[in-house]
Amino acid sequence: MIEKSGAFGGYYHVLGGLLSPMDGVTPATLKIDQLIDRIVTDEFSEVVYALDSSLSGEATAHYIEDQLKESQVDVHQTLLARGIPMGTDLSFVNDSTLRRAIENRK
């Protein structure tokens, strides 16, 4: 989907899922260590977290951020914008989505 949008021309790293301890998905079952190694070795200037807008997506992003801090890697980290999808009627948007859209407005 990202390639199809034509909005990003960088490198990708597929984790293979999101952290979800209740479902048995732990950092050891994902490709997080390989991502950290890649960032350290290739000296990227930015990491864009293109993860689901869910608790598992948020937890995964925070875990990776913590791992990068421990590795003392100086890399700009961003998360895809979250908010109201185009064409959505505001009366159907939940409080959490609306709050995030206001907090991350441009």
Protein backbone atom coordinates (compact mmCIF):
# COMPACT_ATOMS: atom_id res chain seq x y z
CA MET A 1 0.00 0.00 0.00
CA ILE A 2 2.85 2.39 0.77
CA GLU A 3 4.48 1.82 -2.62
CA LYS A 4 1.11 2.18 -4.32
CA SER A 5 0.65 5.61 -2.73
CA GLY A 6 3.88 6.87 -4.31
CA ALA A 7 4.50 9.00 -1.19
CA PHE A 8 7.58 7.21 0.13
CA GLY A 9 10.77 6.18 -1.61
CA GLY A 10 12.88 4.77 1.22
CA TYR A 11 13.75 1.32 2.47
CA TYR A 12 11.37 -1.10 4.19
CA HIS A 13 11.74 -3.63 6.96
CA VAL A 14 8.90 -6.08 7.57
CA LEU A 15 8.63 -7.09 11.22
CA GLY A 16 6.28 -9.99 10.57
CA GLY A 17 3.58 -8.81 12.96
CA LEU A 18 2.94 -6.73 16.05
CA LEU A 19 3.73 -7.40 19.68
CA SER A 20 0.87 -9.26 21.32
CA PRO A 21 1.97 -11.29 24.36
CA MET A 22 -1.54 -12.67 24.85
CA ASP A 23 -1.29 -14.20 21.37
CA GLY A 24 2.26 -15.41 21.91
CA VAL A 25 3.84 -12.72 19.72
CA THR A 26 6.92 -11.49 21.58
CA PRO A 27 9.97 -9.50 20.43
CA ALA A 28 11.78 -12.82 19.87
CA THR A 29 9.14 -13.93 17.34
CA LEU A 30 9.39 -10.72 15.30
CA LYS A 31 12.26 -9.34 13.21
CA ILE A 32 12.97 -6.47 15.60
CA ASP A 33 16.60 -7.42 16.31
CA GLN A 34 17.30 -7.46 12.57
CA LEU A 35 15.72 -4.00 12.26
CA ILE A 36 17.87 -2.58 15.05
CA ASP A 37 21.00 -4.13 13.48
CA ARG A 38 20.08 -2.64 10.12
CA ILE A 39 19.56 0.83 11.56
CA VAL A 40 22.86 0.69 13.45
CA THR A 41 24.84 -0.72 10.52
CA ASP A 42 23.38 1.35 7.67
CA GLU A 43 23.12 4.60 9.68
CA PHE A 44 19.64 5.62 8.54
CA SER A 45 18.60 9.20 9.29
CA GLU A 46 14.93 8.37 9.93
CA VAL A 47 12.74 5.45 10.91
CA VAL A 48 9.07 5.71 9.97
CA TYR A 49 6.80 3.40 11.93
CA ALA A 50 4.10 2.24 9.53
CA LEU A 51 2.16 0.16 12.04
CA ASP A 52 -1.51 -0.45 12.72
CA SER A 53 -3.31 2.18 14.74
CA SER A 54 -3.94 -0.19 17.64
CA LEU A 55 -2.62 -0.94 21.10
CA SER A 56 -0.37 -3.63 19.60
CA GLY A 57 0.94 -1.16 17.02
CA GLU A 58 1.65 1.45 19.69
CA ALA A 59 3.35 -1.12 21.94
CA THR A 60 5.52 -2.32 19.06
CA ALA A 61 6.62 1.22 18.18
CA HIS A 62 7.44 1.99 21.82
CA TYR A 63 9.41 -1.23 22.17
CA ILE A 64 11.51 -0.42 19.10
CA GLU A 65 12.05 3.15 20.33
CA ASP A 66 13.33 1.75 23.64
CA GLN A 67 15.64 -0.67 21.85
CA LEU A 68 17.10 2.15 19.76
CA LYS A 69 17.68 4.24 22.91
CA GLU A 70 19.50 1.31 24.52
CA SER A 71 21.62 0.99 21.38
CA GLN A 72 22.37 4.72 21.61
CA VAL A 73 21.34 5.23 18.01
CA ASP A 74 20.70 8.82 16.99
CA VAL A 75 17.94 8.44 14.43
CA HIS A 76 14.82 10.54 13.85
CA GLN A 77 11.73 8.43 14.59
CA THR A 78 8.27 9.19 13.26
CA LEU A 79 4.89 7.49 13.27
CA LEU A 80 2.42 7.63 10.42
CA ALA A 81 -0.28 10.21 11.04
CA ARG A 82 -3.38 8.97 12.79
CA GLY A 83 -6.80 10.47 12.53
CA ILE A 84 -9.95 10.77 10.54
CA PRO A 85 -10.07 8.96 7.20
CA MET A 86 -10.91 11.05 4.13
CA GLY A 87 -14.65 11.19 3.47
CA THR A 88 -15.65 10.25 7.02
CA ASP A 89 -18.62 11.97 8.67
CA LEU A 90 -17.41 13.46 11.99
CA SER A 91 -20.52 12.21 13.77
CA PHE A 92 -19.22 8.63 13.27
CA VAL A 93 -15.70 9.25 14.63
CA ASN A 94 -14.94 7.94 18.12
CA ASP A 95 -13.45 10.15 20.86
CA SER A 96 -10.00 8.55 20.74
CA THR A 97 -9.63 8.99 16.97
CA LEU A 98 -10.84 12.59 17.10
CA ARG A 99 -8.48 13.41 19.99
CA ARG A 100 -5.52 11.95 18.11
CA ALA A 101 -6.46 13.83 14.95
CA ILE A 102 -6.58 17.12 16.87
CA GLU A 103 -3.31 16.45 18.70
CA ASN A 104 -1.49 15.58 15.46
CA ARG A 105 -3.00 18.23 13.23
CA LYS A 106 -0.89 20.10 10.66
